[in-house]
Amino acid sequence: MGGFADKAKDFAEQHPDKVQQGIDRGGDAVDERTGNKYESQVDQGQEKAGDFLCTGQQDQKDQQN
């Protein structure tokens, strides 16, 4: 990962609640602007982003490779 990505990952590990809050707010903003037309896709994206940033699933994938 690049420098910015490393910093983002470190922040996410230290403040998972704030990261999840940001992901939720971003998804809510998309839903609002699209009239919930893509709600299920947005929800999936929010879930994957939260998993990637907050639970370290990417680290697990890296260890498997």
N, C-alpha and C. Protein backbone atom coordinates (compact mmCIF):
# COMPACT_ATOMS: atom_id res chain seq x y z
N MET A 1 0.84 -1.18 0.00
CA MET A 1 0.00 0.00 0.00
C MET A 1 0.88 1.24 0.00
N GLY A 2 0.32 2.30 -0.56
CA GLY A 2 1.03 3.57 -0.57
C GLY A 2 0.94 4.26 0.78
N GLY A 3 1.61 5.39 0.91
CA GLY A 3 1.65 6.13 2.16
C GLY A 3 0.28 6.53 2.65
N PHE A 4 -0.55 7.07 1.74
CA PHE A 4 -1.89 7.50 2.15
C PHE A 4 -2.72 6.30 2.60
N ALA A 5 -2.65 5.22 1.87
CA ALA A 5 -3.43 4.03 2.22
C ALA A 5 -2.99 3.47 3.56
N ASP A 6 -1.69 3.50 3.83
CA ASP A 6 -1.19 3.03 5.12
C ASP A 6 -1.73 3.89 6.26
N LYS A 7 -1.72 5.21 6.06
CA LYS A 7 -2.24 6.11 7.08
C LYS A 7 -3.73 5.89 7.31
N ALA A 8 -4.48 5.69 6.23
CA ALA A 8 -5.92 5.44 6.35
C ALA A 8 -6.17 4.15 7.11
N LYS A 9 -5.41 3.12 6.80
CA LYS A 9 -5.57 1.83 7.47
C LYS A 9 -5.23 1.97 8.96
N ASP A 10 -4.17 2.69 9.27
CA ASP A 10 -3.80 2.90 10.67
C ASP A 10 -4.90 3.65 11.42
N PHE A 11 -5.43 4.70 10.79
CA PHE A 11 -6.52 5.46 11.41
C PHE A 11 -7.72 4.55 11.65
N ALA A 12 -8.05 3.74 10.66
CA ALA A 12 -9.20 2.84 10.78
C ALA A 12 -9.02 1.85 11.93
N GLU A 13 -7.81 1.36 12.09
CA GLU A 13 -7.56 0.41 13.18
C GLU A 13 -7.68 1.09 14.54
N GLN A 14 -7.28 2.36 14.62
CA GLN A 14 -7.33 3.09 15.89
C GLN A 14 -8.71 3.65 16.19
N HIS A 15 -9.50 3.93 15.15
CA HIS A 15 -10.80 4.59 15.33
C HIS A 15 -11.88 3.94 14.46
N PRO A 16 -12.16 2.66 14.67
CA PRO A 16 -13.13 1.98 13.79
C PRO A 16 -14.53 2.58 13.88
N ASP A 17 -14.88 3.13 15.03
CA ASP A 17 -16.21 3.73 15.18
C ASP A 17 -16.36 4.96 14.29
N LYS A 18 -15.34 5.78 14.22
CA LYS A 18 -15.39 6.97 13.38
C LYS A 18 -15.39 6.60 11.90
N VAL A 19 -14.65 5.58 11.55
CA VAL A 19 -14.61 5.13 10.15
C VAL A 19 -15.98 4.60 9.74
N GLN A 20 -16.58 3.78 10.58
CA GLN A 20 -17.90 3.23 10.26
C GLN A 20 -18.93 4.35 10.15
N GLN A 21 -18.82 5.34 11.03
CA GLN A 21 -19.74 6.48 10.98
C GLN A 21 -19.60 7.22 9.65
N GLY A 22 -18.37 7.40 9.18
CA GLY A 22 -18.14 8.06 7.90
C GLY A 22 -18.68 7.25 6.73
N ILE A 23 -18.49 5.95 6.79
CA ILE A 23 -19.01 5.07 5.73
C ILE A 23 -20.53 5.15 5.70
N ASP A 24 -21.14 5.11 6.87
CA ASP A 24 -22.61 5.18 6.95
C ASP A 24 -23.13 6.51 6.42
N ARG A 25 -22.48 7.60 6.80
CA ARG A 25 -22.91 8.92 6.33
C ARG A 25 -22.75 9.04 4.82
N GLY A 26 -21.65 8.52 4.29
CA GLY A 26 -21.45 8.57 2.85
C GLY A 26 -22.52 7.79 2.11
N GLY A 27 -22.84 6.61 2.60
CA GLY A 27 -23.88 5.80 1.98
C GLY A 27 -25.24 6.46 2.07
N ASP A 28 -25.52 7.07 3.20
CA ASP A 28 -26.79 7.77 3.37
C ASP A 28 -26.91 8.94 2.39
N ALA A 29 -25.79 9.64 2.18
CA ALA A 29 -25.80 10.77 1.24
C ALA A 29 -26.06 10.28 -0.19
N VAL A 30 -25.45 9.16 -0.56
CA VAL A 30 -25.70 8.60 -1.89
C VAL A 30 -27.16 8.19 -2.03
N ASP A 31 -27.67 7.51 -1.00
CA ASP A 31 -29.08 7.10 -1.04
C ASP A 31 -30.00 8.31 -1.20
N GLU A 32 -29.70 9.37 -0.49
CA GLU A 32 -30.54 10.57 -0.54
C GLU A 32 -30.51 11.19 -1.94
N ARG A 33 -29.31 11.28 -2.51
CA ARG A 33 -29.18 11.93 -3.82
C ARG A 33 -29.75 11.07 -4.95
N THR A 34 -29.81 9.76 -4.76
CA THR A 34 -30.34 8.89 -5.80
C THR A 34 -31.77 8.46 -5.53
N GLY A 35 -32.37 8.99 -4.47
CA GLY A 35 -33.73 8.59 -4.13
C GLY A 35 -33.83 7.12 -3.76
N ASN A 36 -32.80 6.58 -3.15
CA ASN A 36 -32.73 5.18 -2.73
C ASN A 36 -32.82 4.20 -3.90
N LYS A 37 -32.58 4.68 -5.10
CA LYS A 37 -32.67 3.82 -6.29
C LYS A 37 -31.64 2.68 -6.25
N TYR A 38 -30.50 2.96 -5.65
CA TYR A 38 -29.41 1.96 -5.60
C TYR A 38 -29.11 1.54 -4.17
N GLU A 39 -30.14 1.54 -3.35
CA GLU A 39 -29.96 1.31 -1.91
C GLU A 39 -29.25 -0.01 -1.61
N SER A 40 -29.64 -1.09 -2.27
CA SER A 40 -29.01 -2.38 -1.97
C SER A 40 -27.55 -2.40 -2.38
N GLN A 41 -27.21 -1.77 -3.51
CA GLN A 41 -25.82 -1.71 -3.94
C GLN A 41 -25.00 -0.84 -2.99
N VAL A 42 -25.58 0.26 -2.55
CA VAL A 42 -24.90 1.16 -1.61
C VAL A 42 -24.66 0.42 -0.29
N ASP A 43 -25.66 -0.31 0.17
CA ASP A 43 -25.52 -1.07 1.42
C ASP A 43 -24.39 -2.10 1.30
N GLN A 44 -24.32 -2.77 0.16
CA GLN A 44 -23.25 -3.74 -0.06
C GLN A 44 -21.89 -3.06 -0.04
N GLY A 45 -21.80 -1.91 -0.68
CA GLY A 45 -20.55 -1.16 -0.69
C GLY A 45 -20.14 -0.71 0.70
N GLN A 46 -21.12 -0.25 1.48
CA GLN A 46 -20.85 0.17 2.85
C GLN A 46 -20.32 -1.02 3.67
N GLU A 47 -20.94 -2.15 3.50
CA GLU A 47 -20.52 -3.33 4.25
C GLU A 47 -19.10 -3.75 3.89
N LYS A 48 -18.82 -3.78 2.59
CA LYS A 48 -17.48 -4.17 2.15
C LYS A 48 -16.42 -3.17 2.59
N ALA A 49 -16.75 -1.88 2.52
CA ALA A 49 -15.81 -0.86 2.96
C ALA A 49 -15.54 -0.99 4.46
N GLY A 50 -16.58 -1.22 5.22
CA GLY A 50 -16.41 -1.41 6.66
C GLY A 50 -15.57 -2.63 6.98
N ASP A 51 -15.83 -3.71 6.27
CA ASP A 51 -15.05 -4.93 6.47
C ASP A 51 -13.58 -4.69 6.13
N PHE A 52 -13.34 -4.03 5.01
CA PHE A 52 -11.97 -3.79 4.56
C PHE A 52 -11.22 -2.91 5.54
N LEU A 53 -11.85 -1.84 5.98
CA LEU A 53 -11.15 -0.87 6.82
C LEU A 53 -11.15 -1.23 8.30
N CYS A 54 -12.23 -1.82 8.78
CA CYS A 54 -12.39 -1.97 10.23
C CYS A 54 -12.08 -3.36 10.76
N THR A 55 -12.26 -4.39 9.98
CA THR A 55 -12.07 -5.73 10.52
C THR A 55 -10.79 -6.38 10.07
N GLY A 56 -10.07 -5.74 9.16
CA GLY A 56 -8.79 -6.29 8.73
C GLY A 56 -8.91 -7.48 7.80
N GLN A 57 -10.02 -7.62 7.10
CA GLN A 57 -10.17 -8.75 6.20
C GLN A 57 -9.12 -8.71 5.09
N GLN A 58 -8.72 -7.52 4.68
CA GLN A 58 -7.70 -7.43 3.64
C GLN A 58 -6.39 -8.02 4.15
N ASP A 59 -6.07 -7.80 5.42
CA ASP A 59 -4.86 -8.37 6.01
C ASP A 59 -4.92 -9.90 5.97
N GLN A 60 -6.10 -10.46 6.24
CA GLN A 60 -6.27 -11.90 6.20
C GLN A 60 -6.06 -12.42 4.79
N LYS A 61 -6.57 -11.70 3.79
CA LYS A 61 -6.41 -12.11 2.40
C LYS A 61 -4.94 -12.06 2.01
N ASP A 62 -4.22 -11.02 2.45
CA ASP A 62 -2.81 -10.89 2.14
C ASP A 62 -2.02 -12.05 2.73
N GLN A 63 -2.38 -12.51 3.92
CA GLN A 63 -1.68 -13.61 4.54
C GLN A 63 -1.92 -14.92 3.82
N GLN A 64 -3.07 -15.06 3.16
CA GLN A 64 -3.39 -16.27 2.44
C GLN A 64 -2.61 -16.36 1.13
N ASN A 65 -2.22 -15.22 0.54
CA ASN A 65 -1.52 -15.21 -0.75
C ASN A 65 -0.05 -15.43 -0.60
